[in-house]
């Protein structure tokens, strides 16, 4: 009888152990996920980090939802996994200057600590930028001179740029400014930017091409040569059509790419046009400037300007923002540049 009771007690102990942990005071393991949100004007970046042990086989997924105020949550695009511990994604078509609640829900087919876990946060999109009325306006024109810088007596663009202080505006009258490589002397400030803009109702064009008329000499085989004023142009156009840059003169002579083009060696430029046409009878543009504006300052606004033909030398671009912040480019046109806007160390 005693033997039977002993066997039953062992069976009961084994059965209970299968339903209860050996140590009922051990903590329940939860996922250690975190959420980062970065709002722009009409979008928001979403970054989620999880612990290395949360999903070791990397088969979990993350679903993102968002809302404003007390509205119902809306589904966003599923987050993309970029590493074993990181999901990323974006929310789109948001309203500027608005706070959004964001929540991310995980699903793990293994039923690990991530499964069913939800993390949430809130962030705002950026408000639309308001351009304040200037404290003082300096007017420039392509043929401007002197120091008056008024609407009726505009000054040179370089002079106006050097005069402008925080809160001022440099206003470009219509016309073509064959200028470039301006290094701005100072920053604006929060609420008082320096605004560089086109005159209302007129078209101000900053042009990186050389306005000179070049004489082209026939070299035979449809190839023509000229000497330009600045070495290493990356752009040649004929009657508004950009020509293909060839790697060697031989390639150009043989039209290895099958299309009209040019080859530049220092200040010597060779071209071969469609049908071996004479470039002296065409409107030719050769780039002269690498960039229009080099900006290492803050709170500089470019508004209602046209930029074209900034294609000289390496890494050419119309506007170069280098280690600069809180700058604005609005209602501007970029036509036939190597790059419109370059941003570095933002």
C-alpha atoms as a PDB file:
ATOM      1  CA  UNK A   1       0.000   0.000   0.000  1.00  0.00           C
ATOM      2  CA  UNK A   2       2.813   2.339   0.943  1.00  0.00           C
ATOM      3  CA  UNK A   3       4.544   1.479  -2.370  1.00  0.00           C
ATOM      4  CA  UNK A   4       1.417   2.331  -4.375  1.00  0.00           C
ATOM      5  CA  UNK A   5       1.073   5.731  -2.643  1.00  0.00           C
ATOM      6  CA  UNK A   6       4.723   6.572  -3.439  1.00  0.00           C
ATOM      7  CA  UNK A   7       4.275   5.833  -7.156  1.00  0.00           C
ATOM      8  CA  UNK A   8       1.088   7.955  -7.302  1.00  0.00           C
ATOM      9  CA  UNK A   9       2.844  10.897  -5.647  1.00  0.00           C
ATOM     10  CA  UNK A  10       5.661  10.770  -8.219  1.00  0.00           C
ATOM     11  CA  UNK A  11       3.156  10.738 -11.080  1.00  0.00           C
ATOM     12  CA  UNK A  12       1.288  13.697  -9.581  1.00  0.00           C
ATOM     13  CA  UNK A  13       4.496  15.679  -9.137  1.00  0.00           C
ATOM     14  CA  UNK A  14       5.502  15.007 -12.756  1.00  0.00           C
ATOM     15  CA  UNK A  15       2.074  16.059 -14.023  1.00  0.00           C
ATOM     16  CA  UNK A  16       2.128  19.312 -12.078  1.00  0.00           C
ATOM     17  CA  UNK A  17       5.635  20.101 -13.306  1.00  0.00           C
ATOM     18  CA  UNK A  18       4.430  19.863 -16.888  1.00  0.00           C
ATOM     19  CA  UNK A  19       1.924  22.693 -16.249  1.00  0.00           C
ATOM     20  CA  UNK A  20       3.966  25.019 -14.014  1.00  0.00           C
ATOM     21  CA  UNK A  21       7.530  26.348 -14.337  1.00  0.00           C
ATOM     22  CA  UNK A  22      10.066  24.961 -11.903  1.00  0.00           C
ATOM     23  CA  UNK A  23      10.507  28.507 -10.517  1.00  0.00           C
ATOM     24  CA  UNK A  24       7.220  30.452 -10.584  1.00  0.00           C
ATOM     25  CA  UNK A  25       9.063  33.678  -9.653  1.00  0.00           C
ATOM     26  CA  UNK A  26      11.146  33.919 -12.890  1.00  0.00           C
ATOM     27  CA  UNK A  27      10.173  37.117 -14.868  1.00  0.00           C
ATOM     28  CA  UNK A  28       8.281  36.866 -18.163  1.00  0.00           C
ATOM     29  CA  UNK A  29      10.539  37.800 -21.122  1.00  0.00           C
ATOM     30  CA  UNK A  30       9.292  40.800 -23.154  1.00  0.00           C
ATOM     31  CA  UNK A  31      10.679  42.289 -26.369  1.00  0.00           C
ATOM     32  CA  UNK A  32      12.792  45.424 -25.958  1.00  0.00           C
ATOM     33  CA  UNK A  33      11.632  47.385 -29.043  1.00  0.00           C
ATOM     34  CA  UNK A  34      12.048  51.137 -29.522  1.00  0.00           C
ATOM     35  CA  UNK A  35      10.475  53.590 -31.985  1.00  0.00           C
ATOM     36  CA  UNK A  36      11.976  56.708 -33.611  1.00  0.00           C
ATOM     37  CA  UNK A  37       9.950  59.165 -35.720  1.00  0.00           C
ATOM     38  CA  UNK A  38      11.268  61.925 -37.998  1.00  0.00           C
ATOM     39  CA  UNK A  39       8.741  64.295 -39.582  1.00  0.00           C
ATOM     40  CA  UNK A  40       9.280  66.248 -42.794  1.00  0.00           C
ATOM     41  CA  UNK A  41       6.589  68.391 -44.463  1.00  0.00           C
ATOM     42  CA  UNK A  42       4.451  65.653 -46.034  1.00  0.00           C
ATOM     43  CA  UNK A  43       6.120  62.471 -44.767  1.00  0.00           C
ATOM     44  CA  UNK A  44       7.518  60.870 -41.628  1.00  0.00           C
ATOM     45  CA  UNK A  45      10.387  58.425 -41.259  1.00  0.00           C
ATOM     46  CA  UNK A  46       9.813  55.430 -38.982  1.00  0.00           C
ATOM     47  CA  UNK A  47      12.707  53.494 -37.425  1.00  0.00           C
ATOM     48  CA  UNK A  48      12.174  50.527 -35.119  1.00  0.00           C
ATOM     49  CA  UNK A  49      14.929  48.736 -33.213  1.00  0.00           C
ATOM     50  CA  UNK A  50      14.494  45.376 -31.490  1.00  0.00           C
ATOM     51  CA  UNK A  51      16.757  43.347 -29.223  1.00  0.00           C
ATOM     52  CA  UNK A  52      19.162  40.805 -30.658  1.00  0.00           C
ATOM     53  CA  UNK A  53      17.302  37.985 -28.876  1.00  0.00           C
ATOM     54  CA  UNK A  54      13.791  39.149 -29.806  1.00  0.00           C
ATOM     55  CA  UNK A  55      13.711  37.433 -33.187  1.00  0.00           C
ATOM     56  CA  UNK A  56      16.883  35.389 -33.769  1.00  0.00           C
ATOM     57  CA  UNK A  57      15.610  33.750 -36.966  1.00  0.00           C
ATOM     58  CA  UNK A  58      14.517  37.144 -38.450  1.00  0.00           C
ATOM     59  CA  UNK A  59      11.075  36.014 -39.587  1.00  0.00           C
ATOM     60  CA  UNK A  60       8.957  38.570 -37.699  1.00  0.00           C
ATOM     61  CA  UNK A  61       7.131  41.381 -39.493  1.00  0.00           C
ATOM     62  CA  UNK A  62       6.167  44.899 -38.394  1.00  0.00           C
ATOM     63  CA  UNK A  63       2.920  46.659 -39.270  1.00  0.00           C
ATOM     64  CA  UNK A  64       2.655  50.451 -38.886  1.00  0.00           C
ATOM     65  CA  UNK A  65      -0.507  52.526 -38.355  1.00  0.00           C
ATOM     66  CA  UNK A  66      -1.030  56.244 -37.809  1.00  0.00           C
ATOM     67  CA  UNK A  67      -3.698  58.794 -36.951  1.00  0.00           C
ATOM     68  CA  UNK A  68      -4.295  62.417 -36.000  1.00  0.00           C
ATOM     69  CA  UNK A  69      -6.118  63.353 -32.836  1.00  0.00           C
ATOM     70  CA  UNK A  70      -8.739  60.806 -31.863  1.00  0.00           C
ATOM     71  CA  UNK A  71      -9.367  59.538 -35.389  1.00  0.00           C
ATOM     72  CA  UNK A  72      -9.227  55.868 -36.226  1.00  0.00           C
ATOM     73  CA  UNK A  73      -5.818  54.444 -37.064  1.00  0.00           C
ATOM     74  CA  UNK A  74      -4.939  54.085 -40.740  1.00  0.00           C
ATOM     75  CA  UNK A  75      -2.599  51.449 -42.113  1.00  0.00           C
ATOM     76  CA  UNK A  76       0.729  52.586 -43.542  1.00  0.00           C
ATOM     77  CA  UNK A  77       3.073  50.660 -45.806  1.00  0.00           C
ATOM     78  CA  UNK A  78       4.589  47.679 -43.946  1.00  0.00           C
ATOM     79  CA  UNK A  79       8.026  48.364 -42.521  1.00  0.00           C
ATOM     80  CA  UNK A  80      11.055  46.901 -44.261  1.00  0.00           C
ATOM     81  CA  UNK A  81      13.578  44.876 -42.338  1.00  0.00           C
ATOM     82  CA  UNK A  82      17.108  46.178 -42.948  1.00  0.00           C
ATOM     83  CA  UNK A  83      18.960  44.058 -40.372  1.00  0.00           C
ATOM     84  CA  UNK A  84      18.302  41.462 -37.696  1.00  0.00           C
ATOM     85  CA  UNK A  85      17.449  44.240 -35.227  1.00  0.00           C
ATOM     86  CA  UNK A  86      16.062  47.043 -37.395  1.00  0.00           C
ATOM     87  CA  UNK A  87      12.882  47.879 -39.350  1.00  0.00           C
ATOM     88  CA  UNK A  88      12.431  51.106 -41.339  1.00  0.00           C
ATOM     89  CA  UNK A  89       9.712  52.771 -43.386  1.00  0.00           C
ATOM     90  CA  UNK A  90       7.873  56.006 -44.099  1.00  0.00           C
ATOM     91  CA  UNK A  91       4.424  57.502 -43.809  1.00  0.00           C
ATOM     92  CA  UNK A  92       3.323  59.555 -46.823  1.00  0.00           C
ATOM     93  CA  UNK A  93       0.799  62.229 -47.818  1.00  0.00           C
ATOM     94  CA  UNK A  94       0.758  63.808 -44.394  1.00  0.00           C
ATOM     95  CA  UNK A  95      -0.325  67.339 -43.546  1.00  0.00           C
ATOM     96  CA  UNK A  96       2.374  69.884 -42.636  1.00  0.00           C
ATOM     97  CA  UNK A  97       2.449  71.140 -39.068  1.00  0.00           C
ATOM     98  CA  UNK A  98       0.396  68.238 -37.713  1.00  0.00           C
ATOM     99  CA  UNK A  99       1.032  65.800 -34.851  1.00  0.00           C
ATOM    100  CA  UNK A 100       0.544  62.108 -35.636  1.00  0.00           C
ATOM    101  CA  UNK A 101       0.160  59.130 -33.311  1.00  0.00           C
ATOM    102  CA  UNK A 102       2.090  56.159 -34.677  1.00  0.00           C
ATOM    103  CA  UNK A 103       1.967  52.570 -33.514  1.00  0.00           C
ATOM    104  CA  UNK A 104       3.833  49.495 -34.719  1.00  0.00           C
ATOM    105  CA  UNK A 105       2.570  45.955 -34.146  1.00  0.00           C
ATOM    106  CA  UNK A 106       4.788  42.897 -34.531  1.00  0.00           C
ATOM    107  CA  UNK A 107       3.850  39.429 -35.714  1.00  0.00           C
ATOM    108  CA  UNK A 108       6.175  36.464 -35.275  1.00  0.00           C
ATOM    109  CA  UNK A 109       5.128  33.033 -36.568  1.00  0.00           C
ATOM    110  CA  UNK A 110       7.358  31.450 -33.900  1.00  0.00           C
ATOM    111  CA  UNK A 111       5.308  33.088 -31.140  1.00  0.00           C
ATOM    112  CA  UNK A 112       8.412  34.686 -29.614  1.00  0.00           C
ATOM    113  CA  UNK A 113       8.531  37.755 -27.372  1.00  0.00           C
ATOM    114  CA  UNK A 114       7.819  40.079 -30.324  1.00  0.00           C
ATOM    115  CA  UNK A 115       4.587  38.422 -31.332  1.00  0.00           C
ATOM    116  CA  UNK A 116       1.600  40.682 -30.666  1.00  0.00           C
ATOM    117  CA  UNK A 117       3.793  43.396 -29.138  1.00  0.00           C
ATOM    118  CA  UNK A 118       2.814  46.993 -29.904  1.00  0.00           C
ATOM    119  CA  UNK A 119       4.949  50.098 -29.485  1.00  0.00           C
ATOM    120  CA  UNK A 120       3.720  53.630 -30.067  1.00  0.00           C
ATOM    121  CA  UNK A 121       4.876  57.223 -30.194  1.00  0.00           C
ATOM    122  CA  UNK A 122       3.934  60.644 -31.536  1.00  0.00           C
ATOM    123  CA  UNK A 123       5.703  63.221 -33.683  1.00  0.00           C
ATOM    124  CA  UNK A 124       4.818  66.245 -35.787  1.00  0.00           C
ATOM    125  CA  UNK A 125       5.450  67.082 -39.408  1.00  0.00           C
ATOM    126  CA  UNK A 126       7.209  70.357 -40.174  1.00  0.00           C
ATOM    127  CA  UNK A 127       5.075  73.433 -40.664  1.00  0.00           C
ATOM    128  CA  UNK A 128       5.154  75.177 -44.021  1.00  0.00           C
ATOM    129  CA  UNK A 129       7.891  77.818 -44.198  1.00  0.00           C
ATOM    130  CA  UNK A 130       6.642  81.387 -44.188  1.00  0.00           C
ATOM    131  CA  UNK A 131       8.894  83.863 -45.986  1.00  0.00           C
ATOM    132  CA  UNK A 132       8.849  87.135 -44.032  1.00  0.00           C
ATOM    133  CA  UNK A 133       8.824  90.558 -45.623  1.00  0.00           C
ATOM    134  CA  UNK A 134      12.428  91.785 -45.909  1.00  0.00           C
ATOM    135  CA  UNK A 135      13.904  94.450 -43.673  1.00  0.00           C
ATOM    136  CA  UNK A 136      15.633  95.832 -46.771  1.00  0.00           C
ATOM    137  CA  UNK A 137      15.736  94.786 -50.428  1.00  0.00           C
ATOM    138  CA  UNK A 138      18.739  95.004 -52.755  1.00  0.00           C
ATOM    139  CA  UNK A 139      17.820  94.887 -56.456  1.00  0.00           C
ATOM    140  CA  UNK A 140      20.240  93.455 -59.010  1.00  0.00           C
ATOM    141  CA  UNK A 141      20.247  93.042 -62.779  1.00  0.00           C
ATOM    142  CA  UNK A 142      22.555  91.396 -65.364  1.00  0.00           C
ATOM    143  CA  UNK A 143      23.897  94.822 -66.340  1.00  0.00           C
ATOM    144  CA  UNK A 144      23.584  96.432 -62.902  1.00  0.00           C
ATOM    145  CA  UNK A 145      26.277  98.689 -61.463  1.00  0.00           C
ATOM    146  CA  UNK A 146      26.849 101.183 -58.700  1.00  0.00           C
ATOM    147  CA  UNK A 147      25.651 100.893 -55.133  1.00  0.00           C
ATOM    148  CA  UNK A 148      22.057 102.149 -55.174  1.00  0.00           C
ATOM    149  CA  UNK A 149      20.578  98.652 -55.641  1.00  0.00           C
ATOM    150  CA  UNK A 150      17.072  99.998 -56.203  1.00  0.00           C
ATOM    151  CA  UNK A 151      14.366  98.869 -58.600  1.00  0.00           C
ATOM    152  CA  UNK A 152      15.205 101.643 -61.071  1.00  0.00           C
ATOM    153  CA  UNK A 153      18.966 101.616 -60.451  1.00  0.00           C
ATOM    154  CA  UNK A 154      19.883  97.988 -59.779  1.00  0.00           C
ATOM    155  CA  UNK A 155      23.418  96.980 -58.864  1.00  0.00           C
ATOM    156  CA  UNK A 156      25.523  93.959 -59.807  1.00  0.00           C
ATOM    157  CA  UNK A 157      24.448  90.660 -58.259  1.00  0.00           C
ATOM    158  CA  UNK A 158      27.816  90.178 -56.542  1.00  0.00           C
ATOM    159  CA  UNK A 159      27.529  93.592 -54.865  1.00  0.00           C
ATOM    160  CA  UNK A 160      23.968  92.929 -53.667  1.00  0.00           C
ATOM    161  CA  UNK A 161      24.935  89.556 -52.198  1.00  0.00           C
ATOM    162  CA  UNK A 162      27.794  91.118 -50.252  1.00  0.00           C
ATOM    163  CA  UNK A 163      25.518  93.772 -48.754  1.00  0.00           C
ATOM    164  CA  UNK A 164      22.643  91.578 -47.611  1.00  0.00           C
ATOM    165  CA  UNK A 165      22.308  90.978 -43.875  1.00  0.00           C
ATOM    166  CA  UNK A 166      19.969  88.697 -41.943  1.00  0.00           C
ATOM    167  CA  UNK A 167      16.389  89.665 -42.767  1.00  0.00           C
ATOM    168  CA  UNK A 168      17.289  91.276 -46.117  1.00  0.00           C
ATOM    169  CA  UNK A 169      16.397  90.209 -49.646  1.00  0.00           C
ATOM    170  CA  UNK A 170      18.394  90.200 -52.875  1.00  0.00           C
ATOM    171  CA  UNK A 171      15.922  90.551 -55.734  1.00  0.00           C
ATOM    172  CA  UNK A 172      17.025  89.701 -59.270  1.00  0.00           C
ATOM    173  CA  UNK A 173      15.411  91.594 -62.131  1.00  0.00           C
ATOM    174  CA  UNK A 174      14.680  89.549 -65.239  1.00  0.00           C
ATOM    175  CA  UNK A 175      17.403  88.535 -67.683  1.00  0.00           C
ATOM    176  CA  UNK A 176      20.319  86.128 -67.999  1.00  0.00           C
ATOM    177  CA  UNK A 177      23.099  86.297 -65.424  1.00  0.00           C
ATOM    178  CA  UNK A 178      26.172  84.636 -66.950  1.00  0.00           C
ATOM    179  CA  UNK A 179      27.698  84.332 -63.502  1.00  0.00           C
ATOM    180  CA  UNK A 180      28.472  81.736 -60.900  1.00  0.00           C
ATOM    181  CA  UNK A 181      30.619  80.365 -58.100  1.00  0.00           C
ATOM    182  CA  UNK A 182      29.263  82.815 -55.558  1.00  0.00           C
ATOM    183  CA  UNK A 183      30.343  82.098 -51.979  1.00  0.00           C
ATOM    184  CA  UNK A 184      27.790  83.684 -49.705  1.00  0.00           C
ATOM    185  CA  UNK A 185      29.416  85.849 -47.004  1.00  0.00           C
ATOM    186  CA  UNK A 186      26.984  85.359 -44.112  1.00  0.00           C
ATOM    187  CA  UNK A 187      23.968  83.526 -42.749  1.00  0.00           C
ATOM    188  CA  UNK A 188      20.478  84.672 -42.090  1.00  0.00           C
ATOM    189  CA  UNK A 189      18.838  83.765 -38.818  1.00  0.00           C
ATOM    190  CA  UNK A 190      15.700  82.049 -37.591  1.00  0.00           C
ATOM    191  CA  UNK A 191      12.798  84.317 -38.534  1.00  0.00           C
ATOM    192  CA  UNK A 192      15.136  86.586 -40.507  1.00  0.00           C
ATOM    193  CA  UNK A 193      16.539  84.658 -43.487  1.00  0.00           C
ATOM    194  CA  UNK A 194      18.483  86.118 -46.376  1.00  0.00           C
ATOM    195  CA  UNK A 195      16.186  85.686 -49.369  1.00  0.00           C
ATOM    196  CA  UNK A 196      17.596  85.537 -52.903  1.00  0.00           C
ATOM    197  CA  UNK A 197      14.681  85.678 -55.283  1.00  0.00           C
ATOM    198  CA  UNK A 198      13.492  86.605 -58.748  1.00  0.00           C
ATOM    199  CA  UNK A 199      11.524  89.801 -59.296  1.00  0.00           C
ATOM    200  CA  UNK A 200       7.792  89.122 -59.455  1.00  0.00           C
ATOM    201  CA  UNK A 201       6.533  88.754 -63.017  1.00  0.00           C
ATOM    202  CA  UNK A 202      10.048  88.490 -64.503  1.00  0.00           C
ATOM    203  CA  UNK A 203      12.345  85.522 -65.183  1.00  0.00           C
ATOM    204  CA  UNK A 204      15.826  85.678 -63.674  1.00  0.00           C
ATOM    205  CA  UNK A 205      18.140  83.041 -65.177  1.00  0.00           C
ATOM    206  CA  UNK A 206      21.497  82.140 -63.664  1.00  0.00           C
ATOM    207  CA  UNK A 207      23.535  80.606 -66.472  1.00  0.00           C
ATOM    208  CA  UNK A 208      26.770  78.643 -66.008  1.00  0.00           C
ATOM    209  CA  UNK A 209      27.513  78.651 -69.742  1.00  0.00           C
ATOM    210  CA  UNK A 210      30.104  80.852 -71.418  1.00  0.00           C
ATOM    211  CA  UNK A 211      28.422  83.686 -73.374  1.00  0.00           C
ATOM    212  CA  UNK A 212      31.423  83.909 -75.738  1.00  0.00           C
ATOM    213  CA  UNK A 213      31.053  82.961 -79.388  1.00  0.00           C
ATOM    214  CA  UNK A 214      33.681  80.383 -80.292  1.00  0.00           C
ATOM    215  CA  UNK A 215      35.184  79.806 -83.723  1.00  0.00           C
ATOM    216  CA  UNK A 216      35.164  76.125 -84.681  1.00  0.00           C
ATOM    217  CA  UNK A 217      37.843  74.756 -87.014  1.00  0.00           C
ATOM    218  CA  UNK A 218      37.182  71.699 -89.183  1.00  0.00           C
ATOM    219  CA  UNK A 219      39.424  68.714 -88.395  1.00  0.00           C
ATOM    220  CA  UNK A 220      38.052  66.372 -91.039  1.00  0.00           C
ATOM    221  CA  UNK A 221      35.553  63.554 -90.757  1.00  0.00           C
ATOM    222  CA  UNK A 222      32.856  65.884 -89.405  1.00  0.00           C
ATOM    223  CA  UNK A 223      34.885  66.813 -86.304  1.00  0.00           C
ATOM    224  CA  UNK A 224      35.419  70.477 -85.347  1.00  0.00           C
ATOM    225  CA  UNK A 225      37.721  71.974 -82.720  1.00  0.00           C
ATOM    226  CA  UNK A 226      37.812  75.156 -80.648  1.00  0.00           C
ATOM    227  CA  UNK A 227      39.573  76.602 -77.591  1.00  0.00           C
ATOM    228  CA  UNK A 228      37.372  77.592 -74.658  1.00  0.00           C
ATOM    229  CA  UNK A 229      38.025  79.866 -71.706  1.00  0.00           C
ATOM    230  CA  UNK A 230      37.760  77.384 -68.827  1.00  0.00           C
ATOM    231  CA  UNK A 231      39.172  73.858 -68.798  1.00  0.00           C
ATOM    232  CA  UNK A 232      37.205  70.642 -68.317  1.00  0.00           C
ATOM    233  CA  UNK A 233      33.701  71.560 -69.475  1.00  0.00           C
ATOM    234  CA  UNK A 234      31.201  68.763 -68.888  1.00  0.00           C
ATOM    235  CA  UNK A 235      28.521  70.320 -71.047  1.00  0.00           C
ATOM    236  CA  UNK A 236      28.279  71.252 -74.711  1.00  0.00           C
ATOM    237  CA  UNK A 237      24.919  71.882 -76.348  1.00  0.00           C
ATOM    238  CA  UNK A 238      24.059  72.487 -79.992  1.00  0.00           C
ATOM    239  CA  UNK A 239      20.801  74.353 -80.630  1.00  0.00           C
ATOM    240  CA  UNK A 240      19.662  73.462 -77.108  1.00  0.00           C
ATOM    241  CA  UNK A 241      20.417  69.728 -77.371  1.00  0.00           C
ATOM    242  CA  UNK A 242      23.018  68.326 -74.985  1.00  0.00           C
ATOM    243  CA  UNK A 243      25.822  66.411 -76.680  1.00  0.00           C
ATOM    244  CA  UNK A 244      27.159  63.072 -75.486  1.00  0.00           C
ATOM    245  CA  UNK A 245      30.571  63.324 -73.749  1.00  0.00           C
ATOM    246  CA  UNK A 246      33.043  60.896 -75.353  1.00  0.00           C
ATOM    247  CA  UNK A 247      35.959  59.401 -73.441  1.00  0.00           C
ATOM    248  CA  UNK A 248      38.550  59.804 -76.209  1.00  0.00           C
ATOM    249  CA  UNK A 249      38.932  61.800 -79.396  1.00  0.00           C
ATOM    250  CA  UNK A 250      39.108  58.548 -81.345  1.00  0.00           C
ATOM    251  CA  UNK A 251      35.750  57.484 -79.923  1.00  0.00           C
ATOM    252  CA  UNK A 252      34.244  60.792 -81.042  1.00  0.00           C
ATOM    253  CA  UNK A 253      35.775  60.535 -84.508  1.00  0.00           C
ATOM    254  CA  UNK A 254      34.274  57.078 -84.895  1.00  0.00           C
ATOM    255  CA  UNK A 255      31.026  57.888 -83.079  1.00  0.00           C
ATOM    256  CA  UNK A 256      31.314  54.663 -81.109  1.00  0.00           C
ATOM    257  CA  UNK A 257      28.091  55.509 -79.260  1.00  0.00           C
ATOM    258  CA  UNK A 258      26.297  56.324 -82.492  1.00  0.00           C
ATOM    259  CA  UNK A 259      25.138  59.792 -81.410  1.00  0.00           C
ATOM    260  CA  UNK A 260      26.517  63.347 -81.769  1.00  0.00           C
ATOM    261  CA  UNK A 261      28.959  64.316 -79.033  1.00  0.00           C
ATOM    262  CA  UNK A 262      32.028  66.132 -77.815  1.00  0.00           C
ATOM    263  CA  UNK A 263      35.424  65.437 -76.320  1.00  0.00           C
ATOM    264  CA  UNK A 264      37.242  67.895 -74.021  1.00  0.00           C
ATOM    265  CA  UNK A 265      40.953  67.937 -73.205  1.00  0.00           C
ATOM    266  CA  UNK A 266      41.815  70.897 -71.004  1.00  0.00           C
ATOM    267  CA  UNK A 267      40.553  73.979 -72.851  1.00  0.00           C
ATOM    268  CA  UNK A 268      40.420  72.203 -76.226  1.00  0.00           C
ATOM    269  CA  UNK A 269      36.968  70.982 -77.195  1.00  0.00           C
ATOM    270  CA  UNK A 270      36.067  68.803 -80.170  1.00  0.00           C
ATOM    271  CA  UNK A 271      32.513  68.281 -81.408  1.00  0.00           C
ATOM    272  CA  UNK A 272      30.789  66.173 -84.023  1.00  0.00           C
ATOM    273  CA  UNK A 273      27.198  67.155 -84.698  1.00  0.00           C
ATOM    274  CA  UNK A 274      24.341  65.277 -86.305  1.00  0.00           C
ATOM    275  CA  UNK A 275      24.896  64.958 -90.050  1.00  0.00           C
ATOM    276  CA  UNK A 276      28.424  66.363 -89.507  1.00  0.00           C
ATOM    277  CA  UNK A 277      26.901  69.853 -89.427  1.00  0.00           C
ATOM    278  CA  UNK A 278      29.119  72.914 -89.002  1.00  0.00           C
ATOM    279  CA  UNK A 279      28.891  74.146 -85.357  1.00  0.00           C
ATOM    280  CA  UNK A 280      29.652  77.694 -86.548  1.00  0.00           C
ATOM    281  CA  UNK A 281      26.118  77.726 -87.948  1.00  0.00           C
ATOM    282  CA  UNK A 282      24.563  76.446 -84.706  1.00  0.00           C
ATOM    283  CA  UNK A 283      23.893  77.999 -81.301  1.00  0.00           C
ATOM    284  CA  UNK A 284      26.581  76.396 -79.150  1.00  0.00           C
ATOM    285  CA  UNK A 285      26.846  76.504 -75.347  1.00  0.00           C
ATOM    286  CA  UNK A 286      29.925  75.381 -73.413  1.00  0.00           C
ATOM    287  CA  UNK A 287      29.829  75.300 -69.613  1.00  0.00           C
ATOM    288  CA  UNK A 288      32.057  77.738 -67.719  1.00  0.00           C
ATOM    289  CA  UNK A 289      31.039  77.542 -64.041  1.00  0.00           C
ATOM    290  CA  UNK A 290      30.939  74.609 -61.637  1.00  0.00           C
ATOM    291  CA  UNK A 291      28.108  76.014 -59.525  1.00  0.00           C
ATOM    292  CA  UNK A 292      26.003  79.108 -59.035  1.00  0.00           C
ATOM    293  CA  UNK A 293      26.002  79.283 -55.219  1.00  0.00           C
ATOM    294  CA  UNK A 294      28.188  77.601 -52.630  1.00  0.00           C
ATOM    295  CA  UNK A 295      26.362  77.729 -49.293  1.00  0.00           C
ATOM    296  CA  UNK A 296      27.971  76.938 -45.947  1.00  0.00           C
ATOM    297  CA  UNK A 297      25.551  79.266 -44.187  1.00  0.00           C
ATOM    298  CA  UNK A 298      22.156  78.818 -42.589  1.00  0.00           C
ATOM    299  CA  UNK A 299      18.763  80.388 -43.272  1.00  0.00           C
ATOM    300  CA  UNK A 300      19.392  81.197 -46.945  1.00  0.00           C
ATOM    301  CA  UNK A 301      16.276  81.078 -49.155  1.00  0.00           C
ATOM    302  CA  UNK A 302      16.342  80.734 -52.965  1.00  0.00           C
ATOM    303  CA  UNK A 303      12.982  81.577 -54.528  1.00  0.00           C
ATOM    304  CA  UNK A 304      11.689  81.856 -58.105  1.00  0.00           C
ATOM    305  CA  UNK A 305      15.022  81.499 -59.920  1.00  0.00           C
ATOM    306  CA  UNK A 306      16.110  79.486 -62.962  1.00  0.00           C
ATOM    307  CA  UNK A 307      19.463  77.670 -63.023  1.00  0.00           C
ATOM    308  CA  UNK A 308      21.031  76.199 -66.148  1.00  0.00           C
ATOM    309  CA  UNK A 309      24.336  75.004 -67.644  1.00  0.00           C
ATOM    310  CA  UNK A 310      26.297  74.533 -64.385  1.00  0.00           C
ATOM    311  CA  UNK A 311      28.433  71.653 -65.623  1.00  0.00           C
ATOM    312  CA  UNK A 312      32.123  72.583 -65.445  1.00  0.00           C
ATOM    313  CA  UNK A 313      34.583  70.288 -63.665  1.00  0.00           C
ATOM    314  CA  UNK A 314      33.969  67.532 -61.166  1.00  0.00           C
ATOM    315  CA  UNK A 315      30.795  67.351 -59.051  1.00  0.00           C
ATOM    316  CA  UNK A 316      29.169  70.335 -60.753  1.00  0.00           C
ATOM    317  CA  UNK A 317      25.839  71.481 -59.365  1.00  0.00           C
ATOM    318  CA  UNK A 318      23.691  74.612 -59.451  1.00  0.00           C
ATOM    319  CA  UNK A 319      23.378  75.018 -55.663  1.00  0.00           C
ATOM    320  CA  UNK A 320      25.834  73.368 -53.292  1.00  0.00           C
ATOM    321  CA  UNK A 321      24.712  73.168 -49.664  1.00  0.00           C
ATOM    322  CA  UNK A 322      27.705  72.064 -47.606  1.00  0.00           C
ATOM    323  CA  UNK A 323      27.350  71.681 -43.844  1.00  0.00           C
ATOM    324  CA  UNK A 324      24.427  74.105 -44.001  1.00  0.00           C
ATOM    325  CA  UNK A 325      20.990  73.947 -42.392  1.00  0.00           C
ATOM    326  CA  UNK A 326      17.546  75.586 -42.415  1.00  0.00           C
ATOM    327  CA  UNK A 327      17.866  76.609 -46.055  1.00  0.00           C
ATOM    328  CA  UNK A 328      15.044  76.732 -48.601  1.00  0.00           C
ATOM    329  CA  UNK A 329      14.823  76.237 -52.365  1.00  0.00           C
ATOM    330  CA  UNK A 330      11.304  77.067 -53.554  1.00  0.00           C
ATOM    331  CA  UNK A 331       9.664  77.598 -56.957  1.00  0.00           C
ATOM    332  CA  UNK A 332      13.012  77.305 -58.759  1.00  0.00           C
ATOM    333  CA  UNK A 333      13.678  75.735 -62.165  1.00  0.00           C
ATOM    334  CA  UNK A 334      16.753  73.614 -62.949  1.00  0.00           C
ATOM    335  CA  UNK A 335      17.523  73.002 -66.616  1.00  0.00           C
ATOM    336  CA  UNK A 336      20.518  71.124 -68.102  1.00  0.00           C
ATOM    337  CA  UNK A 337      22.786  71.038 -65.040  1.00  0.00           C
ATOM    338  CA  UNK A 338      25.006  68.159 -63.964  1.00  0.00           C
ATOM    339  CA  UNK A 339      23.091  68.307 -60.678  1.00  0.00           C
ATOM    340  CA  UNK A 340      20.448  70.735 -59.473  1.00  0.00           C
ATOM    341  CA  UNK A 341      21.071  70.734 -55.714  1.00  0.00           C
ATOM    342  CA  UNK A 342      23.934  69.043 -53.913  1.00  0.00           C
ATOM    343  CA  UNK A 343      23.725  68.469 -50.152  1.00  0.00           C
ATOM    344  CA  UNK A 344      26.705  67.385 -48.059  1.00  0.00           C
ATOM    345  CA  UNK A 345      27.154  67.036 -44.287  1.00  0.00           C
ATOM    346  CA  UNK A 346      23.541  68.078 -43.692  1.00  0.00           C
END
